[in-house]
Amino acid sequence: MERVQKMLAAAGVCSRRRAETFILEGRVTVNGQVVTLLGTQVDPAHDVVMVDGALVSLTTRRTFLLNKPAGYITTCEDPHARDTVMRLAPRIPGLHPIGRLDKDTTGLLLLTNDGDLTFALTHPKHHVEKTYLARVTGVPVENSLDALRQGVVLGDGMTSPADVRLAGANAGEGLVEITIHEGRKRQVRRMLSLVGHPVVTLTRLRVGPLALGDLPEGVWRELTAEEIGTLYQAAGVAQGE
């Protein structure tokens, strides 16, 4: 027996906290009866659990690292029939991207059916770092890099200080490695454009302790239990609670 919100998270429906909201809103039924108590216990092997009338099946939690190519939308479905990252991913019930990379950004993207891990890595209070390598127009000087290190004002407010270094320069373009822990839309592109160096290409190299490594573009690999544990640890969240 286990709490119904834990079962919903394990099935990849949503995070455990989101599941609690579903329960309080009366959207969850167990054996045909609406449940609104957060401590409700269920037997995943025998009880029929539904959310908004859809049957929930308990699945093994699995997480994958994909080296996302350019040209793919980071979503499960697209109403305009554009290619999504799910075309490149294994077919696992409840699998979804953790966070987003925009269409033209490449690199490390995590996909999981573990709602708790999604919550741990995307909630702003957990401050999980993400590192990018940007090829930009022009070669930034230290004053520009210092502005990013201190935080800059975007249309949606002041950014937190970033860890930034010039990683190289060639033919009038610079390579900038930048680490942030926020998740605003197109944040790195907007930050670099603000200091006068629009992004030409952008690749995410790392999420927390997990690095992209030499995984070929368009290819995925499944994370080990140890790697998943380090992601929970980076978020400051106890795995399985």
Protein backbone atom coordinates (compact mmCIF):
# COMPACT_ATOMS: atom_id res chain seq x y z
CA MET A 1 0.00 0.00 0.00
CA GLU A 2 1.17 3.52 -0.70
CA ARG A 3 -0.20 7.05 -0.73
CA VAL A 4 -2.13 7.86 -3.87
CA GLN A 5 -0.04 10.97 -4.62
CA LYS A 6 3.11 8.87 -4.53
CA MET A 7 1.57 6.39 -6.95
CA LEU A 8 0.57 9.19 -9.36
CA ALA A 9 4.13 10.54 -9.36
CA ALA A 10 5.58 7.07 -9.86
CA ALA A 11 3.24 6.59 -12.83
CA GLY A 12 4.58 9.77 -14.42
CA VAL A 13 1.26 11.62 -14.24
CA CYS A 14 2.73 14.63 -12.45
CA SER A 15 4.90 15.57 -9.48
CA ARG A 16 3.80 14.50 -6.03
CA ARG A 17 2.92 18.06 -5.08
CA ARG A 18 0.85 18.49 -8.22
CA ALA A 19 -0.89 15.20 -7.43
CA GLU A 20 -1.88 16.58 -4.04
CA THR A 21 -3.55 19.49 -5.83
CA PHE A 22 -5.43 17.07 -8.10
CA ILE A 23 -6.67 15.17 -5.03
CA LEU A 24 -7.86 18.29 -3.25
CA GLU A 25 -9.64 19.39 -6.43
CA GLY A 26 -11.57 16.10 -6.56
CA ARG A 27 -10.01 14.98 -9.82
CA VAL A 28 -8.79 11.59 -8.54
CA THR A 29 -10.91 8.47 -8.07
CA VAL A 30 -10.02 5.13 -6.50
CA ASN A 31 -12.26 2.23 -7.50
CA GLY A 32 -14.83 4.70 -8.78
CA GLN A 33 -14.93 6.85 -5.63
CA VAL A 34 -13.62 10.41 -5.52
CA VAL A 35 -10.84 10.80 -2.96
CA THR A 36 -9.97 14.13 -1.39
CA LEU A 37 -7.81 13.02 1.55
CA LEU A 38 -4.07 13.33 0.97
CA GLY A 39 -3.31 10.31 3.16
CA THR A 40 -5.44 7.93 1.10
CA GLN A 41 -3.68 4.59 0.64
CA VAL A 42 -3.97 2.49 -2.50
CA ASP A 43 -2.76 -0.88 -3.68
CA PRO A 44 -1.27 -0.18 -7.14
CA ALA A 45 -1.57 -3.85 -8.10
CA HIS A 46 -5.33 -4.07 -7.46
CA ASP A 47 -6.97 -0.66 -7.03
CA VAL A 48 -8.28 1.23 -10.07
CA VAL A 49 -6.92 4.78 -9.91
CA MET A 50 -8.06 7.45 -12.37
CA VAL A 51 -7.29 11.13 -12.91
CA ASP A 52 -9.89 13.14 -14.81
CA GLY A 53 -11.41 9.85 -15.93
CA ALA A 54 -8.15 8.48 -17.38
CA LEU A 55 -6.78 5.22 -16.00
CA VAL A 56 -3.41 5.46 -14.25
CA SER A 57 -1.01 2.54 -14.65
CA LEU A 58 2.02 2.22 -12.42
CA THR A 59 5.22 2.15 -14.45
CA THR A 60 8.88 1.83 -13.57
CA ARG A 61 10.53 5.24 -13.24
CA ARG A 62 13.04 5.78 -16.04
CA THR A 63 15.12 8.79 -17.08
CA PHE A 64 17.03 9.42 -20.29
CA LEU A 65 19.61 11.91 -21.53
CA LEU A 66 19.12 13.07 -25.12
CA ASN A 67 21.58 15.12 -27.16
CA LYS A 68 18.95 17.33 -28.77
CA PRO A 69 19.60 18.47 -32.34
CA ALA A 70 18.45 21.82 -33.68
CA GLY A 71 15.03 21.94 -35.30
CA TYR A 72 13.07 19.96 -32.69
CA ILE A 73 10.40 21.38 -30.40
CA THR A 74 10.74 20.48 -26.71
CA THR A 75 7.22 19.28 -26.07
CA CYS A 76 5.30 16.02 -26.13
CA GLU A 77 2.93 17.14 -28.91
CA ASP A 78 2.80 20.07 -31.30
CA PRO A 79 -0.49 21.36 -32.77
CA HIS A 80 1.34 22.49 -35.91
CA ALA A 81 2.76 19.01 -36.60
CA ARG A 82 6.37 20.15 -36.16
CA ASP A 83 8.99 17.61 -35.13
CA THR A 84 9.18 17.20 -31.35
CA VAL A 85 11.93 15.67 -29.24
CA MET A 86 9.61 12.73 -28.53
CA ARG A 87 10.30 11.51 -32.08
CA LEU A 88 13.88 10.88 -30.94
CA ALA A 89 13.00 9.33 -27.55
CA PRO A 90 12.13 5.78 -26.54
CA ARG A 91 8.42 4.99 -26.26
CA ILE A 92 7.88 4.86 -22.51
CA PRO A 93 4.48 5.54 -20.86
CA GLY A 94 4.38 9.00 -19.31
CA LEU A 95 7.76 10.06 -20.72
CA HIS A 96 8.14 13.84 -21.00
CA PRO A 97 10.93 16.43 -21.24
CA ILE A 98 12.26 18.03 -18.07
CA GLY A 99 12.20 21.74 -18.80
CA ARG A 100 12.71 23.15 -22.26
CA LEU A 101 15.32 23.90 -24.87
CA ASP A 102 14.15 26.15 -27.68
CA LYS A 103 13.96 24.88 -31.24
CA ASP A 104 17.41 26.11 -32.28
CA THR A 105 19.24 25.13 -29.07
CA THR A 106 21.08 21.82 -28.97
CA GLY A 107 22.55 19.64 -26.27
CA LEU A 108 21.59 18.01 -23.00
CA LEU A 109 17.89 17.38 -22.52
CA LEU A 110 16.49 15.07 -19.86
CA LEU A 111 13.32 13.04 -20.40
CA THR A 112 11.59 11.07 -17.66
CA ASN A 113 8.35 9.55 -16.43
CA ASP A 114 9.34 10.47 -12.85
CA GLY A 115 7.16 13.41 -11.82
CA ASP A 116 9.14 13.95 -8.62
CA LEU A 117 12.40 14.35 -10.56
CA THR A 118 10.76 16.82 -12.93
CA PHE A 119 9.60 18.91 -9.99
CA ALA A 120 13.02 18.70 -8.30
CA LEU A 121 14.90 19.93 -11.36
CA THR A 122 12.50 22.63 -12.55
CA HIS A 123 11.23 24.34 -9.40
CA PRO A 124 13.05 27.69 -9.03
CA LYS A 125 13.68 27.25 -5.31
CA HIS A 126 15.99 24.28 -5.95
CA HIS A 127 18.56 26.35 -7.92
CA VAL A 128 19.84 23.52 -10.13
CA GLU A 129 22.65 24.85 -12.30
CA LYS A 130 22.64 24.54 -16.10
CA THR A 131 25.73 25.21 -18.21
CA TYR A 132 25.68 26.35 -21.85
CA LEU A 133 28.26 27.02 -24.54
CA ALA A 134 27.29 29.94 -26.78
CA ARG A 135 28.94 31.00 -30.02
CA VAL A 136 28.26 34.72 -30.27
CA THR A 137 28.85 37.57 -32.69
CA GLY A 138 31.86 39.60 -31.61
CA VAL A 139 34.27 38.78 -28.81
CA PRO A 140 32.98 39.91 -25.40
CA VAL A 141 35.28 42.01 -23.26
CA GLU A 142 35.54 41.59 -19.50
CA ASN A 143 33.12 44.45 -18.81
CA SER A 144 30.40 42.60 -20.72
CA LEU A 145 31.14 39.34 -18.93
CA ASP A 146 31.18 41.14 -15.57
CA ALA A 147 27.72 42.54 -16.27
CA LEU A 148 26.41 38.99 -16.72
CA ARG A 149 28.22 37.86 -13.56
CA GLN A 150 26.49 40.58 -11.57
CA GLY A 151 23.06 40.14 -13.19
CA VAL A 152 21.31 42.11 -15.93
CA VAL A 153 17.81 43.48 -16.26
CA LEU A 154 15.64 41.65 -18.79
CA GLY A 155 12.04 42.34 -19.66
CA ASP A 156 10.92 39.95 -16.90
CA GLY A 157 13.25 41.32 -14.23
CA MET A 158 16.80 41.11 -12.93
CA THR A 159 18.72 37.90 -13.55
CA SER A 160 20.65 36.16 -10.81
CA PRO A 161 24.44 36.34 -11.06
CA ALA A 162 25.82 33.94 -13.66
CA ASP A 163 29.14 32.11 -13.82
CA VAL A 164 30.63 33.25 -17.13
CA ARG A 165 33.95 32.81 -18.93
CA LEU A 166 35.29 33.44 -22.41
CA ALA A 167 36.12 29.95 -23.73
CA GLY A 168 37.60 31.01 -27.04
CA ALA A 169 37.50 33.37 -30.02
CA ASN A 170 37.82 32.96 -33.76
CA ALA A 171 37.07 35.02 -36.89
CA GLY A 172 35.25 37.76 -35.02
CA GLU A 173 33.13 35.42 -32.93
CA GLY A 174 33.44 34.45 -29.27
CA LEU A 175 32.75 31.24 -27.38
CA VAL A 176 31.10 31.95 -24.03
CA GLU A 177 30.49 29.33 -21.34
CA ILE A 178 27.71 30.45 -19.03
CA THR A 179 26.11 28.75 -16.02
CA ILE A 180 22.71 29.84 -14.67
CA HIS A 181 20.20 28.31 -12.29
CA GLU A 182 17.07 30.06 -13.54
CA GLY A 183 14.78 28.79 -16.27
CA ARG A 184 13.31 31.82 -18.01
CA LYS A 185 12.32 31.58 -21.66
CA ARG A 186 15.34 32.03 -23.97
CA GLN A 187 17.22 33.46 -21.01
CA VAL A 188 20.80 32.88 -22.15
CA ARG A 189 20.07 34.27 -25.61
CA ARG A 190 18.46 37.38 -24.12
CA MET A 191 21.29 37.94 -21.64
CA LEU A 192 23.99 37.77 -24.29
CA SER A 193 22.04 39.93 -26.71
CA LEU A 194 21.59 42.55 -23.99
CA VAL A 195 25.37 42.96 -23.62
CA GLY A 196 25.79 43.27 -27.39
CA HIS A 197 26.67 39.71 -28.40
CA PRO A 198 23.74 37.90 -30.06
CA VAL A 199 23.90 34.11 -30.01
CA VAL A 200 24.80 32.29 -33.22
CA THR A 201 24.59 28.77 -31.79
CA LEU A 202 23.76 27.55 -28.28
CA THR A 203 24.40 24.14 -26.70
CA ARG A 204 23.55 22.96 -23.20
CA LEU A 205 26.50 21.07 -21.76
CA ARG A 206 25.41 20.23 -18.24
CA VAL A 207 22.46 20.00 -15.84
CA GLY A 208 23.58 19.90 -12.23
CA PRO A 209 26.36 17.28 -12.01
CA LEU A 210 25.30 15.56 -15.24
CA ALA A 211 27.37 16.34 -18.36
CA LEU A 212 26.50 15.82 -22.03
CA GLY A 213 29.85 14.20 -22.70
CA ASP A 214 30.50 12.73 -26.15
CA LEU A 215 26.97 11.45 -26.81
CA PRO A 216 26.26 11.95 -30.54
CA GLU A 217 23.59 14.42 -31.59
CA GLY A 218 20.13 12.88 -31.87
CA VAL A 219 21.09 9.93 -29.66
CA TRP A 220 19.82 9.10 -26.15
CA ARG A 221 21.07 6.95 -23.29
CA GLU A 222 19.37 5.84 -20.10
CA LEU A 223 20.68 7.24 -16.82
CA THR A 224 21.97 4.95 -14.11
CA ALA A 225 20.45 4.87 -10.65
CA GLU A 226 23.58 6.60 -9.36
CA GLU A 227 23.24 9.43 -11.88
CA ILE A 228 19.58 9.93 -11.00
CA GLY A 229 20.55 10.05 -7.33
CA THR A 230 23.07 12.83 -8.01
CA LEU A 231 20.35 14.88 -9.74
CA TYR A 232 18.07 14.61 -6.70
CA GLN A 233 21.04 15.52 -4.51
CA ALA A 234 21.82 18.59 -6.64
CA ALA A 235 18.23 19.74 -6.16
CA GLY A 236 18.44 19.18 -2.41
CA VAL A 237 15.56 16.72 -2.54
CA ALA A 238 15.55 13.30 -0.86
CA GLN A 239 14.82 10.64 -3.46
CA GLY A 240 11.70 8.59 -2.77
CA GLU A 241 10.18 10.96 -0.21
